[in-house]
PDB file of N, CA and C in Angstrom:
ATOM      1  N   MET A   1     264.969 -53.422-115.456  1.00  0.00           N
ATOM      2  CA  MET A   1     264.072 -53.725-114.362  1.00  0.00           C
ATOM      3  C   MET A   1     263.832 -55.242-114.346  1.00  0.00           C
ATOM      4  N   SER A   2     263.944 -55.832-113.176  1.00  0.00           N
ATOM      5  CA  SER A   2     263.702 -57.266-113.059  1.00  0.00           C
ATOM      6  C   SER A   2     262.205 -57.560-113.127  1.00  0.00           C
ATOM      7  N   PHE A   3     261.896 -58.803-113.420  1.00  0.00           N
ATOM      8  CA  PHE A   3     260.493 -59.207-113.460  1.00  0.00           C
ATOM      9  C   PHE A   3     259.850 -58.990-112.095  1.00  0.00           C
ATOM     10  N   GLN A   4     260.563 -59.327-111.029  1.00  0.00           N
ATOM     11  CA  GLN A   4     260.007 -59.132-109.683  1.00  0.00           C
ATOM     12  C   GLN A   4     259.716 -57.662-109.420  1.00  0.00           C
ATOM     13  N   ALA A   5     260.549 -56.770-109.934  1.00  0.00           N
ATOM     14  CA  ALA A   5     260.309 -55.336-109.764  1.00  0.00           C
ATOM     15  C   ALA A   5     258.999 -54.932-110.443  1.00  0.00           C
ATOM     16  N   TYR A   6     258.719 -55.510-111.620  1.00  0.00           N
ATOM     17  CA  TYR A   6     257.433 -55.252-112.279  1.00  0.00           C
ATOM     18  C   TYR A   6     256.289 -55.692-111.374  1.00  0.00           C
ATOM     19  N   LEU A   7     256.392 -56.911-110.814  1.00  0.00           N
ATOM     20  CA  LEU A   7     255.325 -57.414-109.951  1.00  0.00           C
ATOM     21  C   LEU A   7     255.145 -56.541-108.711  1.00  0.00           C
ATOM     22  N   ASP A   8     256.249 -56.080-108.143  1.00  0.00           N
ATOM     23  CA  ASP A   8     256.172 -55.205-106.967  1.00  0.00           C
ATOM     24  C   ASP A   8     255.461 -53.897-107.303  1.00  0.00           C
ATOM     25  N   THR A   9     255.785 -53.320-108.450  1.00  0.00           N
ATOM     26  CA  THR A   9     255.151 -52.073-108.884  1.00  0.00           C
ATOM     27  C   THR A   9     253.659 -52.284-109.131  1.00  0.00           C
ATOM     28  N   ILE A  10     253.316 -53.402-109.754  1.00  0.00           N
ATOM     29  CA  ILE A  10     251.910 -53.717-110.019  1.00  0.00           C
ATOM     30  C   ILE A  10     251.146 -53.848-108.710  1.00  0.00           C
ATOM     31  N   GLU A  11     251.745 -54.525-107.737  1.00  0.00           N
ATOM     32  CA  GLU A  11     251.062 -54.696-106.446  1.00  0.00           C
ATOM     33  C   GLU A  11     250.874 -53.357-105.742  1.00  0.00           C
ATOM     34  N   LYS A  12     251.869 -52.489-105.811  1.00  0.00           N
ATOM     35  CA  LYS A  12     251.735 -51.157-105.205  1.00  0.00           C
ATOM     36  C   LYS A  12     250.614 -50.371-105.867  1.00  0.00           C
ATOM     37  N   LYS A  13     250.517 -50.468-107.189  1.00  0.00           N
ATOM     38  CA  LYS A  13     249.510 -49.698-107.930  1.00  0.00           C
ATOM     39  C   LYS A  13     248.100 -50.246-107.736  1.00  0.00           C
ATOM     40  N   THR A  14     247.972 -51.578-107.734  1.00  0.00           N
ATOM     41  CA  THR A  14     246.642 -52.198-107.745  1.00  0.00           C
ATOM     42  C   THR A  14     246.202 -52.761-106.401  1.00  0.00           C
ATOM     43  N   GLY A  15     247.180 -53.010-105.513  1.00  0.00           N
ATOM     44  CA  GLY A  15     246.867 -53.684-104.260  1.00  0.00           C
ATOM     45  C   GLY A  15     246.665 -55.183-104.446  1.00  0.00           C
ATOM     46  N   LYS A  16     247.013 -55.698-105.623  1.00  0.00           N
ATOM     47  CA  LYS A  16     246.803 -57.111-105.955  1.00  0.00           C
ATOM     48  C   LYS A  16     248.146 -57.830-106.085  1.00  0.00           C
ATOM     49  N   SER A  17     248.224 -58.991-105.444  1.00  0.00           N
ATOM     50  CA  SER A  17     249.431 -59.820-105.510  1.00  0.00           C
ATOM     51  C   SER A  17     249.349 -60.740-106.733  1.00  0.00           C
ATOM     52  N   PRO A  18     250.458 -61.406-107.064  1.00  0.00           N
ATOM     53  CA  PRO A  18     250.389 -62.396-108.148  1.00  0.00           C
ATOM     54  C   PRO A  18     249.292 -63.442-107.908  1.00  0.00           C
ATOM     55  N   ASP A  19     249.159 -63.907-106.674  1.00  0.00           N
ATOM     56  CA  ASP A  19     248.103 -64.885-106.367  1.00  0.00           C
ATOM     57  C   ASP A  19     246.715 -64.321-106.644  1.00  0.00           C
ATOM     58  N   ASP A  20     246.530 -63.033-106.384  1.00  0.00           N
ATOM     59  CA  ASP A  20     245.236 -62.395-106.671  1.00  0.00           C
ATOM     60  C   ASP A  20     244.944 -62.423-108.171  1.00  0.00           C
ATOM     61  N   PHE A  21     245.964 -62.159-108.983  1.00  0.00           N
ATOM     62  CA  PHE A  21     245.761 -62.174-110.430  1.00  0.00           C
ATOM     63  C   PHE A  21     245.452 -63.580-110.932  1.00  0.00           C
ATOM     64  N   TYR A  22     246.114 -64.588-110.360  1.00  0.00           N
ATOM     65  CA  TYR A  22     245.766 -65.979-110.701  1.00  0.00           C
ATOM     66  C   TYR A  22     244.300 -66.252-110.379  1.00  0.00           C
ATOM     67  N   ARG A  23     243.884 -65.860-109.171  1.00  0.00           N
ATOM     68  CA  ARG A  23     242.510 -66.115-108.730  1.00  0.00           C
ATOM     69  C   ARG A  23     241.496 -65.396-109.626  1.00  0.00           C
ATOM     70  N   MET A  24     241.754 -64.139-109.949  1.00  0.00           N
ATOM     71  CA  MET A  24     240.836 -63.382-110.805  1.00  0.00           C
ATOM     72  C   MET A  24     240.760 -63.995-112.203  1.00  0.00           C
ATOM     73  N   ALA A  25     241.908 -64.436-112.728  1.00  0.00           N
ATOM     74  CA  ALA A  25     241.915 -65.071-114.050  1.00  0.00           C
ATOM     75  C   ALA A  25     241.119 -66.374-114.015  1.00  0.00           C
ATOM     76  N   GLU A  26     241.233 -67.119-112.927  1.00  0.00           N
ATOM     77  CA  GLU A  26     240.437 -68.345-112.777  1.00  0.00           C
ATOM     78  C   GLU A  26     238.948 -68.014-112.759  1.00  0.00           C
ATOM     79  N   GLU A  27     238.581 -66.985-111.996  1.00  0.00           N
ATOM     80  CA  GLU A  27     237.176 -66.579-111.901  1.00  0.00           C
ATOM     81  C   GLU A  27     236.621 -66.148-113.255  1.00  0.00           C
ATOM     82  N   LYS A  28     237.473 -65.584-114.094  1.00  0.00           N
ATOM     83  CA  LYS A  28     237.048 -65.153-115.431  1.00  0.00           C
ATOM     84  C   LYS A  28     237.050 -66.300-116.432  1.00  0.00           C
ATOM     85  N   GLY A  29     237.459 -67.498-115.987  1.00  0.00           N
ATOM     86  CA  GLY A  29     237.475 -68.657-116.874  1.00  0.00           C
ATOM     87  C   GLY A  29     238.637 -68.671-117.851  1.00  0.00           C
ATOM     88  N   LEU A  30     239.709 -67.966-117.504  1.00  0.00           N
ATOM     89  CA  LEU A  30     240.849 -67.851-118.405  1.00  0.00           C
ATOM     90  C   LEU A  30     241.910 -68.925-118.185  1.00  0.00           C
ATOM     91  N   MET A  31     241.819 -69.622-117.064  1.00  0.00           N
ATOM     92  CA  MET A  31     242.864 -70.566-116.686  1.00  0.00           C
ATOM     93  C   MET A  31     242.469 -72.010-116.982  1.00  0.00           C
ATOM     94  N   ASP A  32     243.490 -72.805-117.262  1.00  0.00           N
ATOM     95  CA  ASP A  32     243.352 -74.247-117.421  1.00  0.00           C
ATOM     96  C   ASP A  32     244.372 -74.845-116.460  1.00  0.00           C
ATOM     97  N   GLY A  33     243.956 -75.099-115.233  1.00  0.00           N
ATOM     98  CA  GLY A  33     244.896 -75.504-114.198  1.00  0.00           C
ATOM     99  C   GLY A  33     245.771 -74.325-113.819  1.00  0.00           C
ATOM    100  N   PRO A  34     247.093 -74.528-113.763  1.00  0.00           N
ATOM    101  CA  PRO A  34     247.986 -73.444-113.333  1.00  0.00           C
ATOM    102  C   PRO A  34     248.367 -72.456-114.432  1.00  0.00           C
ATOM    103  N   LEU A  35     247.903 -72.696-115.662  1.00  0.00           N
ATOM    104  CA  LEU A  35     248.283 -71.836-116.793  1.00  0.00           C
ATOM    105  C   LEU A  35     247.061 -71.324-117.532  1.00  0.00           C
ATOM    106  N   LEU A  36     247.278 -70.257-118.299  1.00  0.00           N
ATOM    107  CA  LEU A  36     246.212 -69.749-119.154  1.00  0.00           C
ATOM    108  C   LEU A  36     245.780 -70.808-120.153  1.00  0.00           C
ATOM    109  N   LYS A  37     244.518 -70.786-120.517  1.00  0.00           N
ATOM    110  CA  LYS A  37     244.032 -71.661-121.582  1.00  0.00           C
ATOM    111  C   LYS A  37     244.770 -71.294-122.870  1.00  0.00           C
ATOM    112  N   PRO A  38     245.062 -72.266-123.712  1.00  0.00           N
ATOM    113  CA  PRO A  38     245.807 -71.985-124.952  1.00  0.00           C
ATOM    114  C   PRO A  38     245.139 -70.924-125.848  1.00  0.00           C
ATOM    115  N   ALA A  39     243.829 -70.832-125.809  1.00  0.00           N
ATOM    116  CA  ALA A  39     243.123 -69.877-126.667  1.00  0.00           C
ATOM    117  C   ALA A  39     243.208 -68.438-126.152  1.00  0.00           C
ATOM    118  N   VAL A  40     243.640 -68.240-124.918  1.00  0.00           N
ATOM    119  CA  VAL A  40     243.725 -66.895-124.340  1.00  0.00           C
ATOM    120  C   VAL A  40     245.003 -66.236-124.847  1.00  0.00           C
ATOM    121  N   LYS A  41     244.841 -65.118-125.495  1.00  0.00           N
ATOM    122  CA  LYS A  41     245.965 -64.395-126.086  1.00  0.00           C
ATOM    123  C   LYS A  41     246.363 -63.205-125.221  1.00  0.00           C
ATOM    124  N   ALA A  42     247.562 -62.743-125.429  1.00  0.00           N
ATOM    125  CA  ALA A  42     248.105 -61.635-124.646  1.00  0.00           C
ATOM    126  C   ALA A  42     247.216 -60.398-124.712  1.00  0.00           C
ATOM    127  N   ASP A  43     246.686 -60.089-125.899  1.00  0.00           N
ATOM    128  CA  ASP A  43     245.888 -58.865-126.028  1.00  0.00           C
ATOM    129  C   ASP A  43     244.621 -58.918-125.172  1.00  0.00           C
ATOM    130  N   GLN A  44     244.094 -60.109-124.934  1.00  0.00           N
ATOM    131  CA  GLN A  44     242.919 -60.246-124.073  1.00  0.00           C
ATOM    132  C   GLN A  44     243.280 -59.893-122.619  1.00  0.00           C
ATOM    133  N   ILE A  45     244.428 -60.358-122.167  1.00  0.00           N
ATOM    134  CA  ILE A  45     244.887 -60.051-120.816  1.00  0.00           C
ATOM    135  C   ILE A  45     245.218 -58.565-120.696  1.00  0.00           C
ATOM    136  N   VAL A  46     245.908 -58.033-121.683  1.00  0.00           N
ATOM    137  CA  VAL A  46     246.276 -56.614-121.671  1.00  0.00           C
ATOM    138  C   VAL A  46     245.025 -55.741-121.626  1.00  0.00           C
ATOM    139  N   SER A  47     244.036 -56.040-122.434  1.00  0.00           N
ATOM    140  CA  SER A  47     242.790 -55.250-122.449  1.00  0.00           C
ATOM    141  C   SER A  47     242.097 -55.294-121.101  1.00  0.00           C
ATOM    142  N   TRP A  48     242.007 -56.478-120.507  1.00  0.00           N
ATOM    143  CA  TRP A  48     241.379 -56.638-119.195  1.00  0.00           C
ATOM    144  C   TRP A  48     242.095 -55.793-118.137  1.00  0.00           C
ATOM    145  N   LEU A  49     243.427 -55.905-118.085  1.00  0.00           N
ATOM    146  CA  LEU A  49     244.174 -55.219-117.035  1.00  0.00           C
ATOM    147  C   LEU A  49     244.219 -53.706-117.238  1.00  0.00           C
ATOM    148  N   LYS A  50     244.243 -53.267-118.485  1.00  0.00           N
ATOM    149  CA  LYS A  50     244.180 -51.827-118.752  1.00  0.00           C
ATOM    150  C   LYS A  50     242.832 -51.277-118.312  1.00  0.00           C
ATOM    151  N   ALA A  51     241.753 -51.984-118.656  1.00  0.00           N
ATOM    152  CA  ALA A  51     240.404 -51.505-118.335  1.00  0.00           C
ATOM    153  C   ALA A  51     240.115 -51.551-116.836  1.00  0.00           C
ATOM    154  N   GLU A  52     240.462 -52.644-116.198  1.00  0.00           N
ATOM    155  CA  GLU A  52     240.087 -52.825-114.793  1.00  0.00           C
ATOM    156  C   GLU A  52     241.041 -52.165-113.809  1.00  0.00           C
ATOM    157  N   PHE A  53     242.334 -52.108-114.156  1.00  0.00           N
ATOM    158  CA  PHE A  53     243.320 -51.624-113.200  1.00  0.00           C
ATOM    159  C   PHE A  53     244.143 -50.438-113.691  1.00  0.00           C
ATOM    160  N   GLY A  54     243.960 -50.038-114.940  1.00  0.00           N
ATOM    161  CA  GLY A  54     244.718 -48.919-115.475  1.00  0.00           C
ATOM    162  C   GLY A  54     246.193 -49.233-115.680  1.00  0.00           C
ATOM    163  N   LEU A  55     246.521 -50.520-115.813  1.00  0.00           N
ATOM    164  CA  LEU A  55     247.916 -50.885-116.048  1.00  0.00           C
ATOM    165  C   LEU A  55     248.313 -50.560-117.481  1.00  0.00           C
ATOM    166  N   GLY A  56     249.568 -50.217-117.659  1.00  0.00           N
ATOM    167  CA  GLY A  56     250.095 -49.983-118.988  1.00  0.00           C
ATOM    168  C   GLY A  56     250.413 -51.301-119.684  1.00  0.00           C
ATOM    169  N   HIS A  57     250.866 -51.190-120.913  1.00  0.00           N
ATOM    170  CA  HIS A  57     251.134 -52.377-121.715  1.00  0.00           C
ATOM    171  C   HIS A  57     252.222 -53.265-121.086  1.00  0.00           C
ATOM    172  N   GLY A  58     253.320 -52.669-120.655  1.00  0.00           N
ATOM    173  CA  GLY A  58     254.425 -53.446-120.102  1.00  0.00           C
ATOM    174  C   GLY A  58     254.046 -54.201-118.840  1.00  0.00           C
ATOM    175  N   HIS A  59     253.339 -53.528-117.946  1.00  0.00           N
ATOM    176  CA  HIS A  59     252.927 -54.190-116.707  1.00  0.00           C
ATOM    177  C   HIS A  59     251.864 -55.257-116.982  1.00  0.00           C
ATOM    178  N   SER A  60     250.997 -54.991-117.922  1.00  0.00           N
ATOM    179  CA  SER A  60     250.000 -56.001-118.304  1.00  0.00           C
ATOM    180  C   SER A  60     250.670 -57.226-118.911  1.00  0.00           C
ATOM    181  N   MET A  61     251.696 -57.010-119.716  1.00  0.00           N
ATOM    182  CA  MET A  61     252.422 -58.131-120.310  1.00  0.00           C
ATOM    183  C   MET A  61     253.170 -58.931-119.240  1.00  0.00           C
ATOM    184  N   ALA A  62     253.584 -58.274-118.172  1.00  0.00           N
ATOM    185  CA  ALA A  62     254.219 -58.997-117.066  1.00  0.00           C
ATOM    186  C   ALA A  62     253.220 -59.959-116.430  1.00  0.00           C
ATOM    187  N   ILE A  63     251.982 -59.528-116.254  1.00  0.00           N
ATOM    188  CA  ILE A  63     250.960 -60.414-115.701  1.00  0.00           C
ATOM    189  C   ILE A  63     250.651 -61.538-116.690  1.00  0.00           C
ATOM    190  N   TYR A  64     250.627 -61.230-117.971  1.00  0.00           N
ATOM    191  CA  TYR A  64     250.437 -62.278-118.975  1.00  0.00           C
ATOM    192  C   TYR A  64     251.561 -63.313-118.871  1.00  0.00           C
ATOM    193  N   ALA A  65     252.804 -62.860-118.745  1.00  0.00           N
ATOM    194  CA  ALA A  65     253.943 -63.776-118.615  1.00  0.00           C
ATOM    195  C   ALA A  65     253.801 -64.634-117.367  1.00  0.00           C
ATOM    196  N   LEU A  66     253.315 -64.057-116.293  1.00  0.00           N
ATOM    197  CA  LEU A  66     253.083 -64.788-115.052  1.00  0.00           C
ATOM    198  C   LEU A  66     252.015 -65.863-115.247  1.00  0.00           C
ATOM    199  N   LEU A  67     250.873 -65.460-115.784  1.00  0.00           N
ATOM    200  CA  LEU A  67     249.745 -66.380-115.940  1.00  0.00           C
ATOM    201  C   LEU A  67     250.016 -67.472-116.963  1.00  0.00           C
ATOM    202  N   SER A  68     250.841 -67.174-117.951  1.00  0.00           N
ATOM    203  CA  SER A  68     251.137 -68.159-118.994  1.00  0.00           C
ATOM    204  C   SER A  68     252.304 -69.070-118.622  1.00  0.00           C
ATOM    205  N   GLY A  69     252.940 -68.803-117.483  1.00  0.00           N
ATOM    206  CA  GLY A  69     254.039 -69.647-117.025  1.00  0.00           C
ATOM    207  C   GLY A  69     255.393 -69.311-117.618  1.00  0.00           C
ATOM    208  N   LYS A  70     255.472 -68.226-118.375  1.00  0.00           N
ATOM    209  CA  LYS A  70     256.737 -67.832-118.980  1.00  0.00           C
ATOM    210  C   LYS A  70     257.702 -67.276-117.921  1.00  0.00           C
ATOM    211  N   LYS A  71     257.155 -66.683-116.878  1.00  0.00           N
ATOM    212  CA  LYS A  71     257.921 -66.112-115.769  1.00  0.00           C
ATOM    213  C   LYS A  71     257.238 -66.504-114.467  1.00  0.00           C
ATOM    214  N   LYS A  72     258.013 -66.383-113.371  1.00  0.00           N
ATOM    215  CA  LYS A  72     257.443 -66.661-112.060  1.00  0.00           C
ATOM    216  C   LYS A  72     257.937 -65.592-111.084  1.00  0.00           C
ATOM    217  N   PRO A  73     257.205 -65.392-109.978  1.00  0.00           N
ATOM    218  CA  PRO A  73     257.678 -64.426-108.994  1.00  0.00           C
ATOM    219  C   PRO A  73     259.128 -64.741-108.583  1.00  0.00           C
ATOM    220  N   GLY A  74     259.907 -63.704-108.443  1.00  0.00           N
ATOM    221  CA  GLY A  74     261.310 -63.869-108.077  1.00  0.00           C
ATOM    222  C   GLY A  74     262.248 -63.815-109.264  1.00  0.00           C
ATOM    223  N   ASP A  75     261.724 -63.947-110.493  1.00  0.00           N
ATOM    224  CA  ASP A  75     262.570 -63.871-111.693  1.00  0.00           C
ATOM    225  C   ASP A  75     263.081 -62.462-111.890  1.00  0.00           C
TER     226      ASP A  75
END
């Protein structure tokens, strides 16, 4: 499955686009400019997304990769 396919599935499940996840992470104080703050760890993002959106580990890690700059939409 491509990274973009993960993002598409997440959007179908949650109704949230990648930009929405960036905005929500900013509102939660998790971002430092365009990337996650260095102190923010994957498990913190995974816990948030599992609790708030019911995402599984793999889909939550895709959002972590997006927010941390490891991947981008279209990959």
